[in-house]
C-alpha atoms as a PDB file:
ATOM      1  CA  MET A   1     104.155 106.730  91.399  1.00  0.00           C
ATOM      2  CA  ASN A   2     103.892 107.686  87.846  1.00  0.00           C
ATOM      3  CA  GLU A   3     101.085 109.697  87.147  1.00  0.00           C
ATOM      4  CA  GLU A   4     100.847 108.284  83.661  1.00  0.00           C
ATOM      5  CA  LEU A   5     100.453 105.048  85.104  1.00  0.00           C
ATOM      6  CA  LYS A   6      96.968 103.482  84.352  1.00  0.00           C
ATOM      7  CA  TYR A   7      94.787 102.020  86.824  1.00  0.00           C
ATOM      8  CA  GLU A   8      94.674  98.611  84.865  1.00  0.00           C
ATOM      9  CA  GLU A   9      98.663  98.639  85.000  1.00  0.00           C
ATOM     10  CA  ALA A  10      99.173  99.356  88.705  1.00  0.00           C
ATOM     11  CA  LEU A  11      96.673  96.486  89.577  1.00  0.00           C
ATOM     12  CA  ALA A  12      98.517  94.062  87.027  1.00  0.00           C
ATOM     13  CA  GLN A  13     101.569  95.074  88.793  1.00  0.00           C
ATOM     14  CA  LEU A  14     100.011  94.301  92.224  1.00  0.00           C
ATOM     15  CA  GLU A  15      98.784  91.071  91.511  1.00  0.00           C
ATOM     16  CA  THR A  16     102.167  89.732  90.096  1.00  0.00           C
ATOM     17  CA  ILE A  17     103.407  90.700  93.092  1.00  0.00           C
ATOM     18  CA  VAL A  18     101.066  88.902  95.149  1.00  0.00           C
ATOM     19  CA  ARG A  19     101.264  85.973  93.101  1.00  0.00           C
ATOM     20  CA  LYS A  20     105.244  85.981  93.427  1.00  0.00           C
ATOM     21  CA  MET A  21     104.945  86.470  97.399  1.00  0.00           C
ATOM     22  CA  GLU A  22     102.380  83.689  97.284  1.00  0.00           C
ATOM     23  CA  SER A  23     104.856  81.293  95.802  1.00  0.00           C
ATOM     24  CA  ASN A  24     107.874  82.552  97.626  1.00  0.00           C
ATOM     25  CA  GLU A  25     109.360  83.750  94.745  1.00  0.00           C
ATOM     26  CA  PHE A  26     111.361  86.692  96.734  1.00  0.00           C
ATOM     27  CA  ASP A  27     114.321  86.402  99.138  1.00  0.00           C
ATOM     28  CA  ILE A  28     113.682  88.275 102.241  1.00  0.00           C
ATOM     29  CA  ASP A  29     115.311  91.474 100.928  1.00  0.00           C
ATOM     30  CA  GLU A  30     113.494  91.763  97.825  1.00  0.00           C
ATOM     31  CA  LEU A  31     110.181  90.605  99.850  1.00  0.00           C
ATOM     32  CA  ALA A  32     111.235  94.039 101.513  1.00  0.00           C
ATOM     33  CA  VAL A  33     111.291  96.253  98.621  1.00  0.00           C
ATOM     34  CA  GLN A  34     108.293  94.850  96.705  1.00  0.00           C
ATOM     35  CA  LEU A  35     105.913  94.931  99.826  1.00  0.00           C
ATOM     36  CA  LYS A  36     106.696  98.961  99.550  1.00  0.00           C
ATOM     37  CA  THR A  37     105.789  98.557  95.905  1.00  0.00           C
ATOM     38  CA  ALA A  38     102.975  96.985  96.719  1.00  0.00           C
ATOM     39  CA  GLN A  39     101.721  99.490  99.209  1.00  0.00           C
ATOM     40  CA  ARG A  40     102.457 102.553  96.973  1.00  0.00           C
ATOM     41  CA  LEU A  41     100.128 100.307  94.035  1.00  0.00           C
ATOM     42  CA  ILE A  42      97.206 100.269  96.532  1.00  0.00           C
ATOM     43  CA  THR A  43      97.516 103.869  97.768  1.00  0.00           C
ATOM     44  CA  PHE A  44      97.531 104.617  93.757  1.00  0.00           C
ATOM     45  CA  CYS A  45      94.806 102.414  92.988  1.00  0.00           C
ATOM     46  CA  LYS A  46      92.650 103.817  95.927  1.00  0.00           C
ATOM     47  CA  ASP A  47      93.153 107.339  95.126  1.00  0.00           C
ATOM     48  CA  LYS A  48      92.555 106.586  91.157  1.00  0.00           C
ATOM     49  CA  LEU A  49      89.165 105.237  92.452  1.00  0.00           C
ATOM     50  CA  THR A  50      88.159 107.990  95.246  1.00  0.00           C
ATOM     51  CA  LYS A  51      88.975 110.260  92.046  1.00  0.00           C
ATOM     52  CA  THR A  52      86.885 108.582  89.306  1.00  0.00           C
ATOM     53  CA  GLU A  53      84.182 108.305  91.930  1.00  0.00           C
ATOM     54  CA  ALA A  54      84.055 111.668  92.738  1.00  0.00           C
ATOM     55  CA  GLU A  55      83.629 112.698  88.922  1.00  0.00           C
ATOM     56  CA  ILE A  56      80.889 110.274  88.433  1.00  0.00           C
ATOM     57  CA  GLN A  57      79.354 111.905  91.482  1.00  0.00           C
ATOM     58  CA  LYS A  58      79.980 115.188  89.882  1.00  0.00           C
ATOM     59  CA  ILE A  59      78.649 114.476  86.497  1.00  0.00           C
ATOM     60  CA  GLN A  60      75.441 112.969  88.129  1.00  0.00           C
ATOM     61  CA  ALA A  61      74.639 115.882  90.090  1.00  0.00           C
ATOM     62  CA  GLU A  62      75.243 118.132  87.175  1.00  0.00           C
ATOM     63  CA  GLN A  63      72.678 115.925  85.053  1.00  0.00           C
ATOM     64  CA  ASP A  64      70.211 115.891  87.871  1.00  0.00           C
ATOM     65  CA  SER A  65      70.152 119.852  88.293  1.00  0.00           C
ATOM     66  CA  SER A  66      69.881 120.122  84.514  1.00  0.00           C
ATOM     67  CA  LEU A  67      66.454 118.334  84.697  1.00  0.00           C
END
């Protein structure tokens, strides 16, 4: 997954894949490829959220300790 990819871009790509799956726009071969792509996008988004949450907690802890 491209590290330059932004969370919002990954989420938009994921939403597009889901929409196309729901409307049966993929043939069976493309569906398999898109499922793998969706899985990578989900992992990317989860990792991004986890890292952001950790950064926020660190900043809050630093602010609390300086008071």
